[in-house]
Amino acid sequence: MDKGVIYVATGAAFLELAQASARSLRAVAPELPIDLYTDAPERAEAGLFDEVHEIANPHRRSKLDCLPLTRFERTLFMDCDTLFLAPPGDVFDLLERFDMALAHDVRRASDLIREGLDEVTPYAFPQMNSGVFLYRRSAPVLAFLRDWARRFAESGVRRDQIILKDMLWRSDLRFYVLPPEFNLRRVTMLDAWEPEDARPTILHSHRLKDHLDGHGARISDAATLIAAEREALQREWAVPGREADPIAQYRQPLDLPQSSD
């Protein structure tokens, strides 16, 4: 198969999230093949996926094991906490020039997103978000993915993006940074964009799975998600001493890493 989308879901709750995301994709691009990797293939919704593959030894980052198993020449991996607003369109064409494509993560000024394992990188090279990940099925890319899984398993860290950041910094593979509309983590950006700025394509928010931790009712649609993000943004800025100047409030001292050169 030339191109397709894959989901990796372990556990009943994440399987349902993956199915909700896959339904949103079917609604906007019904012709695009979708595969599922899961530890419970018998629970997969009939007719939703083109192929369902069993994960024999599931763990919290099974996606790293499954990425190299794709049957597609060009693959779009999707986290379960995502929703499609529009067809992915010509995004797969990026792989005619690049090996991989993914978007910057948010909170790039935080230690969490600037963290690497062995590499010290400039502030301008933050972690990439691995929840929307476009890649070619080529020998170098598959080797990269298998190495990512191995390094993560050996590292003992909890977040796969820490390892990915180091590997991308060292790698000679060509990767492209996706525009935010293909991995929209801050959905309140929709309030700032003008009509011709972008075409929102994929929402990706932890709020779609917050109910699993007992944080409110389940959110399953874009309108409710946007309303929740607006409220959260107000709370985020409701802190004593916030600057009236919209630029000054971002001028916090940043402990930039020292170059290894």
C-alpha atoms as a PDB file:
ATOM      1  CA  MET A   1       0.000   0.000   0.000  1.00  0.00           C
ATOM      2  CA  ASP A   2       1.282   3.466  -0.886  1.00  0.00           C
ATOM      3  CA  LYS A   3      -0.083   5.489   2.031  1.00  0.00           C
ATOM      4  CA  GLY A   4      -2.178   5.026   5.140  1.00  0.00           C
ATOM      5  CA  VAL A   5      -2.733   5.896   8.782  1.00  0.00           C
ATOM      6  CA  ILE A   6      -1.927   3.759  11.816  1.00  0.00           C
ATOM      7  CA  TYR A   7      -3.064   3.854  15.441  1.00  0.00           C
ATOM      8  CA  VAL A   8      -1.561   2.007  18.402  1.00  0.00           C
ATOM      9  CA  ALA A   9      -3.927   1.422  21.337  1.00  0.00           C
ATOM     10  CA  THR A  10      -3.466  -0.782  24.386  1.00  0.00           C
ATOM     11  CA  GLY A  11      -6.237  -1.084  26.933  1.00  0.00           C
ATOM     12  CA  ALA A  12      -9.971  -0.609  26.432  1.00  0.00           C
ATOM     13  CA  ALA A  13      -9.971   3.135  27.191  1.00  0.00           C
ATOM     14  CA  PHE A  14      -7.287   3.978  24.653  1.00  0.00           C
ATOM     15  CA  LEU A  15      -8.873   1.687  22.097  1.00  0.00           C
ATOM     16  CA  GLU A  16     -12.066   3.721  22.311  1.00  0.00           C
ATOM     17  CA  LEU A  17     -10.096   6.963  21.920  1.00  0.00           C
ATOM     18  CA  ALA A  18      -8.334   5.560  18.858  1.00  0.00           C
ATOM     19  CA  GLN A  19     -11.657   4.517  17.367  1.00  0.00           C
ATOM     20  CA  ALA A  20     -13.123   7.978  17.943  1.00  0.00           C
ATOM     21  CA  SER A  21     -10.158   9.505  16.133  1.00  0.00           C
ATOM     22  CA  ALA A  22     -10.419   6.962  13.312  1.00  0.00           C
ATOM     23  CA  ARG A  23     -14.119   7.773  12.909  1.00  0.00           C
ATOM     24  CA  SER A  24     -13.269  11.455  12.545  1.00  0.00           C
ATOM     25  CA  LEU A  25     -10.775  10.504   9.827  1.00  0.00           C
ATOM     26  CA  ARG A  26     -13.316   8.296   8.042  1.00  0.00           C
ATOM     27  CA  ALA A  27     -15.733  11.237   8.031  1.00  0.00           C
ATOM     28  CA  VAL A  28     -13.320  13.483   6.095  1.00  0.00           C
ATOM     29  CA  ALA A  29     -11.214  10.973   4.116  1.00  0.00           C
ATOM     30  CA  PRO A  30     -13.163   7.729   3.769  1.00  0.00           C
ATOM     31  CA  GLU A  31     -10.834   6.327   1.106  1.00  0.00           C
ATOM     32  CA  LEU A  32      -7.659   6.483   3.211  1.00  0.00           C
ATOM     33  CA  PRO A  33      -6.621   3.084   4.657  1.00  0.00           C
ATOM     34  CA  ILE A  34      -6.421   2.881   8.457  1.00  0.00           C
ATOM     35  CA  ASP A  35      -4.650   0.144  10.425  1.00  0.00           C
ATOM     36  CA  LEU A  36      -4.838  -0.536  14.140  1.00  0.00           C
ATOM     37  CA  TYR A  37      -2.292  -2.185  16.426  1.00  0.00           C
ATOM     38  CA  THR A  38      -3.874  -3.310  19.695  1.00  0.00           C
ATOM     39  CA  ASP A  39      -3.627  -5.866  22.465  1.00  0.00           C
ATOM     40  CA  ALA A  40      -7.354  -6.681  22.048  1.00  0.00           C
ATOM     41  CA  PRO A  41      -8.090  -7.058  18.309  1.00  0.00           C
ATOM     42  CA  GLU A  42     -11.372  -8.822  19.071  1.00  0.00           C
ATOM     43  CA  ARG A  43     -12.689  -5.556  20.595  1.00  0.00           C
ATOM     44  CA  ALA A  44     -11.969  -3.415  17.540  1.00  0.00           C
ATOM     45  CA  GLU A  45     -15.027  -1.859  15.940  1.00  0.00           C
ATOM     46  CA  ALA A  46     -16.052  -3.931  12.937  1.00  0.00           C
ATOM     47  CA  GLY A  47     -15.495  -2.209   9.592  1.00  0.00           C
ATOM     48  CA  LEU A  48     -13.663   0.802  10.986  1.00  0.00           C
ATOM     49  CA  PHE A  49     -10.116  -0.366  10.286  1.00  0.00           C
ATOM     50  CA  ASP A  50      -8.707  -1.941   7.152  1.00  0.00           C
ATOM     51  CA  GLU A  51      -6.394  -4.222   9.113  1.00  0.00           C
ATOM     52  CA  VAL A  52      -6.105  -4.949  12.834  1.00  0.00           C
ATOM     53  CA  HIS A  53      -2.795  -6.277  14.165  1.00  0.00           C
ATOM     54  CA  GLU A  54      -2.335  -7.853  17.578  1.00  0.00           C
ATOM     55  CA  ILE A  55       0.266  -6.544  20.032  1.00  0.00           C
ATOM     56  CA  ALA A  56       1.559  -9.625  21.805  1.00  0.00           C
ATOM     57  CA  ASN A  57       3.547  -7.922  24.574  1.00  0.00           C
ATOM     58  CA  PRO A  58       1.969  -4.522  25.259  1.00  0.00           C
ATOM     59  CA  HIS A  59       3.656  -1.809  27.314  1.00  0.00           C
ATOM     60  CA  ARG A  60       3.158   1.921  27.833  1.00  0.00           C
ATOM     61  CA  ARG A  61       5.152   2.814  24.699  1.00  0.00           C
ATOM     62  CA  SER A  62       4.082  -0.006  22.395  1.00  0.00           C
ATOM     63  CA  LYS A  63       3.882   2.531  19.603  1.00  0.00           C
ATOM     64  CA  LEU A  64       7.681   2.476  19.302  1.00  0.00           C
ATOM     65  CA  ASP A  65       7.574  -1.248  18.596  1.00  0.00           C
ATOM     66  CA  CYS A  66       4.748  -0.878  16.083  1.00  0.00           C
ATOM     67  CA  LEU A  67       6.005   2.055  13.995  1.00  0.00           C
ATOM     68  CA  PRO A  68       8.468  -0.070  11.965  1.00  0.00           C
ATOM     69  CA  LEU A  69       5.776  -2.706  11.302  1.00  0.00           C
ATOM     70  CA  THR A  70       3.716  -0.520   8.981  1.00  0.00           C
ATOM     71  CA  ARG A  71       2.684  -2.027   5.645  1.00  0.00           C
ATOM     72  CA  PHE A  72       2.420   1.424   4.041  1.00  0.00           C
ATOM     73  CA  GLU A  73       5.176   3.028   1.994  1.00  0.00           C
ATOM     74  CA  ARG A  74       4.136   6.382   3.510  1.00  0.00           C
ATOM     75  CA  THR A  75       2.647   6.278   6.998  1.00  0.00           C
ATOM     76  CA  LEU A  76       0.905   8.812   9.202  1.00  0.00           C
ATOM     77  CA  PHE A  77       1.008   7.617  12.819  1.00  0.00           C
ATOM     78  CA  MET A  78      -1.667   9.120  15.075  1.00  0.00           C
ATOM     79  CA  ASP A  79      -1.886   9.260  18.855  1.00  0.00           C
ATOM     80  CA  CYS A  80      -5.251   8.235  20.245  1.00  0.00           C
ATOM     81  CA  ASP A  81      -6.098  11.693  21.679  1.00  0.00           C
ATOM     82  CA  THR A  82      -6.585  13.288  18.269  1.00  0.00           C
ATOM     83  CA  LEU A  83      -9.437  14.392  16.013  1.00  0.00           C
ATOM     84  CA  PHE A  84      -9.425  15.113  12.284  1.00  0.00           C
ATOM     85  CA  LEU A  85     -11.135  18.338  11.227  1.00  0.00           C
ATOM     86  CA  ALA A  86     -10.211  18.076   7.539  1.00  0.00           C
ATOM     87  CA  PRO A  87      -8.631  15.539   5.174  1.00  0.00           C
ATOM     88  CA  PRO A  88      -4.848  15.236   5.526  1.00  0.00           C
ATOM     89  CA  GLY A  89      -4.703  16.268   1.854  1.00  0.00           C
ATOM     90  CA  ASP A  90      -1.271  16.371   0.268  1.00  0.00           C
ATOM     91  CA  VAL A  91       0.688  16.013   3.520  1.00  0.00           C
ATOM     92  CA  PHE A  92       1.929  12.585   2.341  1.00  0.00           C
ATOM     93  CA  ASP A  93       3.637  14.329  -0.592  1.00  0.00           C
ATOM     94  CA  LEU A  94       6.195  15.717   1.880  1.00  0.00           C
ATOM     95  CA  LEU A  95       7.722  12.256   1.903  1.00  0.00           C
ATOM     96  CA  GLU A  96       8.741  12.625  -1.719  1.00  0.00           C
ATOM     97  CA  ARG A  97      11.431  14.996  -0.414  1.00  0.00           C
ATOM     98  CA  PHE A  98      11.785  14.215   3.301  1.00  0.00           C
ATOM     99  CA  ASP A  99      12.196  11.029   5.336  1.00  0.00           C
ATOM    100  CA  MET A 100       9.957  12.150   8.199  1.00  0.00           C
ATOM    101  CA  ALA A 101       7.751  15.033   9.248  1.00  0.00           C
ATOM    102  CA  LEU A 102       6.473  16.046  12.677  1.00  0.00           C
ATOM    103  CA  ALA A 103       5.658  19.205  14.604  1.00  0.00           C
ATOM    104  CA  HIS A 104       7.332  21.084  17.435  1.00  0.00           C
ATOM    105  CA  ASP A 105       5.951  20.377  20.856  1.00  0.00           C
ATOM    106  CA  VAL A 106       4.380  23.135  22.935  1.00  0.00           C
ATOM    107  CA  ARG A 107       5.732  24.572  26.238  1.00  0.00           C
ATOM    108  CA  ARG A 108       9.074  24.957  24.500  1.00  0.00           C
ATOM    109  CA  ALA A 109      10.376  27.293  27.219  1.00  0.00           C
ATOM    110  CA  SER A 110       9.895  24.586  29.854  1.00  0.00           C
ATOM    111  CA  ASP A 111      12.561  22.204  31.097  1.00  0.00           C
ATOM    112  CA  LEU A 112      10.201  19.342  30.223  1.00  0.00           C
ATOM    113  CA  ILE A 113      10.244  20.038  26.478  1.00  0.00           C
ATOM    114  CA  ARG A 114      13.865  21.170  26.330  1.00  0.00           C
ATOM    115  CA  GLU A 115      15.084  17.970  27.974  1.00  0.00           C
ATOM    116  CA  GLY A 116      17.362  15.554  26.175  1.00  0.00           C
ATOM    117  CA  LEU A 117      19.170  12.511  27.482  1.00  0.00           C
ATOM    118  CA  ASP A 118      22.743  12.933  26.269  1.00  0.00           C
ATOM    119  CA  GLU A 119      22.617  15.916  23.917  1.00  0.00           C
ATOM    120  CA  VAL A 120      22.540  19.609  24.847  1.00  0.00           C
ATOM    121  CA  THR A 121      20.788  21.434  22.029  1.00  0.00           C
ATOM    122  CA  PRO A 122      19.972  25.110  21.434  1.00  0.00           C
ATOM    123  CA  TYR A 123      16.672  26.468  22.698  1.00  0.00           C
ATOM    124  CA  ALA A 124      15.666  26.701  19.027  1.00  0.00           C
ATOM    125  CA  PHE A 125      15.860  22.880  18.766  1.00  0.00           C
ATOM    126  CA  PRO A 126      13.142  21.684  21.183  1.00  0.00           C
ATOM    127  CA  GLN A 127      11.526  18.276  21.414  1.00  0.00           C
ATOM    128  CA  MET A 128       9.313  17.259  18.530  1.00  0.00           C
ATOM    129  CA  ASN A 129       5.858  15.946  19.329  1.00  0.00           C
ATOM    130  CA  SER A 130       5.704  12.291  18.341  1.00  0.00           C
ATOM    131  CA  GLY A 131       1.911  12.020  18.483  1.00  0.00           C
ATOM    132  CA  VAL A 132       1.462  12.950  14.813  1.00  0.00           C
ATOM    133  CA  PHE A 133       4.341  11.389  12.924  1.00  0.00           C
ATOM    134  CA  LEU A 134       4.697  11.078   9.155  1.00  0.00           C
ATOM    135  CA  TYR A 135       7.412   8.784   7.829  1.00  0.00           C
ATOM    136  CA  ARG A 136       8.659   6.752   4.875  1.00  0.00           C
ATOM    137  CA  ARG A 137       9.139   3.003   4.958  1.00  0.00           C
ATOM    138  CA  SER A 138      12.745   3.044   3.847  1.00  0.00           C
ATOM    139  CA  ALA A 139      15.661   1.075   5.241  1.00  0.00           C
ATOM    140  CA  PRO A 140      17.274   4.122   6.955  1.00  0.00           C
ATOM    141  CA  VAL A 141      13.997   5.227   8.522  1.00  0.00           C
ATOM    142  CA  LEU A 142      13.081   1.743   9.745  1.00  0.00           C
ATOM    143  CA  ALA A 143      16.553   1.434  11.268  1.00  0.00           C
ATOM    144  CA  PHE A 144      16.036   4.811  12.976  1.00  0.00           C
ATOM    145  CA  LEU A 145      12.670   3.702  14.386  1.00  0.00           C
ATOM    146  CA  ARG A 146      14.028   0.419  15.715  1.00  0.00           C
ATOM    147  CA  ASP A 147      16.955   2.247  17.290  1.00  0.00           C
ATOM    148  CA  TRP A 148      14.518   4.693  18.898  1.00  0.00           C
ATOM    149  CA  ALA A 149      12.603   1.794  20.468  1.00  0.00           C
ATOM    150  CA  ARG A 150      15.824   0.180  21.687  1.00  0.00           C
ATOM    151  CA  ARG A 151      17.276   3.379  23.135  1.00  0.00           C
ATOM    152  CA  PHE A 152      14.023   4.203  24.887  1.00  0.00           C
ATOM    153  CA  ALA A 153      13.802   0.747  26.465  1.00  0.00           C
ATOM    154  CA  GLU A 154      17.394   0.989  27.689  1.00  0.00           C
ATOM    155  CA  SER A 155      17.180   4.580  28.954  1.00  0.00           C
ATOM    156  CA  GLY A 156      14.617   4.177  31.734  1.00  0.00           C
ATOM    157  CA  VAL A 157      13.011   7.563  30.915  1.00  0.00           C
ATOM    158  CA  ARG A 158       9.224   7.879  30.732  1.00  0.00           C
ATOM    159  CA  ARG A 159       8.884  10.107  27.666  1.00  0.00           C
ATOM    160  CA  ASP A 160       9.945   8.857  24.233  1.00  0.00           C
ATOM    161  CA  GLN A 161      10.430  12.403  22.926  1.00  0.00           C
ATOM    162  CA  ILE A 162      13.540  12.838  25.076  1.00  0.00           C
ATOM    163  CA  ILE A 163      15.263  10.080  23.115  1.00  0.00           C
ATOM    164  CA  LEU A 164      13.814  11.288  19.816  1.00  0.00           C
ATOM    165  CA  LYS A 165      15.227  14.774  20.359  1.00  0.00           C
ATOM    166  CA  ASP A 166      18.748  13.423  20.796  1.00  0.00           C
ATOM    167  CA  MET A 167      18.421  11.161  17.778  1.00  0.00           C
ATOM    168  CA  LEU A 168      17.116  13.861  15.462  1.00  0.00           C
ATOM    169  CA  TRP A 169      19.930  16.174  16.540  1.00  0.00           C
ATOM    170  CA  ARG A 170      22.508  13.554  15.569  1.00  0.00           C
ATOM    171  CA  SER A 171      20.760  12.081  12.523  1.00  0.00           C
ATOM    172  CA  ASP A 172      21.457  12.709   8.856  1.00  0.00           C
ATOM    173  CA  LEU A 173      17.863  11.851   7.960  1.00  0.00           C
ATOM    174  CA  ARG A 174      15.906  14.669   6.356  1.00  0.00           C
ATOM    175  CA  PHE A 175      12.950  15.700   8.491  1.00  0.00           C
ATOM    176  CA  TYR A 176      10.419  18.471   8.008  1.00  0.00           C
ATOM    177  CA  VAL A 177       8.664  20.483  10.725  1.00  0.00           C
ATOM    178  CA  LEU A 178       4.927  20.341  10.137  1.00  0.00           C
ATOM    179  CA  PRO A 179       2.863  23.533  10.395  1.00  0.00           C
ATOM    180  CA  PRO A 180       0.830  23.623  13.624  1.00  0.00           C
ATOM    181  CA  GLU A 181      -2.486  22.971  11.865  1.00  0.00           C
ATOM    182  CA  PHE A 182      -1.386  19.354  11.333  1.00  0.00           C
ATOM    183  CA  ASN A 183      -0.800  18.833  15.058  1.00  0.00           C
ATOM    184  CA  LEU A 184      -2.815  21.542  16.790  1.00  0.00           C
ATOM    185  CA  ARG A 185      -1.910  21.277  20.461  1.00  0.00           C
ATOM    186  CA  ARG A 186      -2.973  24.812  21.373  1.00  0.00           C
ATOM    187  CA  VAL A 187      -6.461  24.943  19.912  1.00  0.00           C
ATOM    188  CA  THR A 188      -6.897  28.528  21.144  1.00  0.00           C
ATOM    189  CA  MET A 189      -4.652  29.450  18.221  1.00  0.00           C
ATOM    190  CA  LEU A 190      -7.882  29.179  16.243  1.00  0.00           C
ATOM    191  CA  ASP A 191      -9.034  32.365  17.998  1.00  0.00           C
ATOM    192  CA  ALA A 192      -6.003  34.265  16.694  1.00  0.00           C
ATOM    193  CA  TRP A 193      -5.811  33.001  13.128  1.00  0.00           C
ATOM    194  CA  GLU A 194      -7.343  34.996  10.304  1.00  0.00           C
ATOM    195  CA  PRO A 195      -9.441  33.136   7.670  1.00  0.00           C
ATOM    196  CA  GLU A 196      -6.572  32.582   5.251  1.00  0.00           C
ATOM    197  CA  ASP A 197      -3.846  31.845   7.816  1.00  0.00           C
ATOM    198  CA  ALA A 198      -4.271  28.065   7.918  1.00  0.00           C
ATOM    199  CA  ARG A 199      -6.595  25.121   7.429  1.00  0.00           C
ATOM    200  CA  PRO A 200      -6.994  23.345  10.783  1.00  0.00           C
ATOM    201  CA  THR A 201      -6.561  19.653  10.053  1.00  0.00           C
ATOM    202  CA  ILE A 202      -5.702  17.653  13.204  1.00  0.00           C
ATOM    203  CA  LEU A 203      -6.531  18.510  16.817  1.00  0.00           C
ATOM    204  CA  HIS A 204      -4.292  16.823  19.369  1.00  0.00           C
ATOM    205  CA  SER A 205      -5.109  17.426  23.021  1.00  0.00           C
ATOM    206  CA  HIS A 206      -4.593  15.627  26.308  1.00  0.00           C
ATOM    207  CA  ARG A 207      -8.037  16.951  27.281  1.00  0.00           C
ATOM    208  CA  LEU A 208      -9.549  14.267  25.057  1.00  0.00           C
ATOM    209  CA  LYS A 209      -8.266  11.711  27.576  1.00  0.00           C
ATOM    210  CA  ASP A 210      -8.398  13.706  30.834  1.00  0.00           C
ATOM    211  CA  HIS A 211     -11.564  11.843  31.855  1.00  0.00           C
ATOM    212  CA  LEU A 212      -9.466   8.692  32.187  1.00  0.00           C
ATOM    213  CA  ASP A 213      -7.759  10.329  35.190  1.00  0.00           C
ATOM    214  CA  GLY A 214     -11.036  11.556  36.659  1.00  0.00           C
ATOM    215  CA  HIS A 215     -10.632  15.126  35.413  1.00  0.00           C
ATOM    216  CA  GLY A 216     -14.143  16.035  34.324  1.00  0.00           C
ATOM    217  CA  ALA A 217     -16.519  14.598  31.764  1.00  0.00           C
ATOM    218  CA  ARG A 218     -15.252  13.109  28.542  1.00  0.00           C
ATOM    219  CA  ILE A 219     -14.615  15.565  25.708  1.00  0.00           C
ATOM    220  CA  SER A 220     -15.203  14.063  22.296  1.00  0.00           C
ATOM    221  CA  ASP A 221     -15.852  16.953  19.915  1.00  0.00           C
ATOM    222  CA  ALA A 222     -13.957  20.006  18.727  1.00  0.00           C
ATOM    223  CA  ALA A 223     -16.407  22.638  20.013  1.00  0.00           C
ATOM    224  CA  THR A 224     -16.311  21.339  23.596  1.00  0.00           C
ATOM    225  CA  LEU A 225     -12.551  20.995  23.441  1.00  0.00           C
ATOM    226  CA  ILE A 226     -12.080  24.582  22.263  1.00  0.00           C
ATOM    227  CA  ALA A 227     -14.341  25.874  25.052  1.00  0.00           C
ATOM    228  CA  ALA A 228     -12.348  23.916  27.647  1.00  0.00           C
ATOM    229  CA  GLU A 229      -9.060  25.235  26.257  1.00  0.00           C
ATOM    230  CA  ARG A 230     -10.301  28.817  26.419  1.00  0.00           C
ATOM    231  CA  GLU A 231     -11.163  28.387  30.094  1.00  0.00           C
ATOM    232  CA  ALA A 232      -7.811  26.752  30.787  1.00  0.00           C
ATOM    233  CA  LEU A 233      -5.955  29.581  29.049  1.00  0.00           C
ATOM    234  CA  GLN A 234      -7.664  32.132  31.267  1.00  0.00           C
ATOM    235  CA  ARG A 235      -6.675  30.167  34.367  1.00  0.00           C
ATOM    236  CA  GLU A 236      -3.091  29.855  33.113  1.00  0.00           C
ATOM    237  CA  TRP A 237      -2.730  33.630  32.889  1.00  0.00           C
ATOM    238  CA  ALA A 238      -4.701  34.390  36.085  1.00  0.00           C
ATOM    239  CA  VAL A 239      -1.578  34.764  38.211  1.00  0.00           C
ATOM    240  CA  PRO A 240      -0.497  37.613  40.494  1.00  0.00           C
ATOM    241  CA  GLY A 241       1.822  40.122  38.906  1.00  0.00           C
ATOM    242  CA  ARG A 242       0.943  39.360  35.306  1.00  0.00           C
ATOM    243  CA  GLU A 243       2.298  42.086  33.097  1.00  0.00           C
ATOM    244  CA  ALA A 244      -0.147  44.389  31.350  1.00  0.00           C
ATOM    245  CA  ASP A 245       2.306  44.577  28.467  1.00  0.00           C
ATOM    246  CA  PRO A 246       1.589  41.464  26.352  1.00  0.00           C
ATOM    247  CA  ILE A 247       5.244  41.187  25.344  1.00  0.00           C
ATOM    248  CA  ALA A 248       6.797  41.853  28.751  1.00  0.00           C
ATOM    249  CA  GLN A 249       4.978  38.891  30.283  1.00  0.00           C
ATOM    250  CA  TYR A 250       7.110  36.575  28.136  1.00  0.00           C
ATOM    251  CA  ARG A 251      10.426  38.130  29.163  1.00  0.00           C
ATOM    252  CA  GLN A 252      11.153  35.607  31.865  1.00  0.00           C
ATOM    253  CA  PRO A 253      14.851  34.825  32.246  1.00  0.00           C
ATOM    254  CA  LEU A 254      15.574  31.643  30.313  1.00  0.00           C
ATOM    255  CA  ASP A 255      18.366  29.385  31.473  1.00  0.00           C
ATOM    256  CA  LEU A 256      19.711  28.544  28.039  1.00  0.00           C
ATOM    257  CA  PRO A 257      21.881  25.447  27.786  1.00  0.00           C
ATOM    258  CA  GLN A 258      25.567  25.884  27.133  1.00  0.00           C
ATOM    259  CA  SER A 259      26.818  24.704  23.772  1.00  0.00           C
ATOM    260  CA  SER A 260      28.811  21.500  23.823  1.00  0.00           C
ATOM    261  CA  ASP A 261      31.272  23.004  21.296  1.00  0.00           C
END
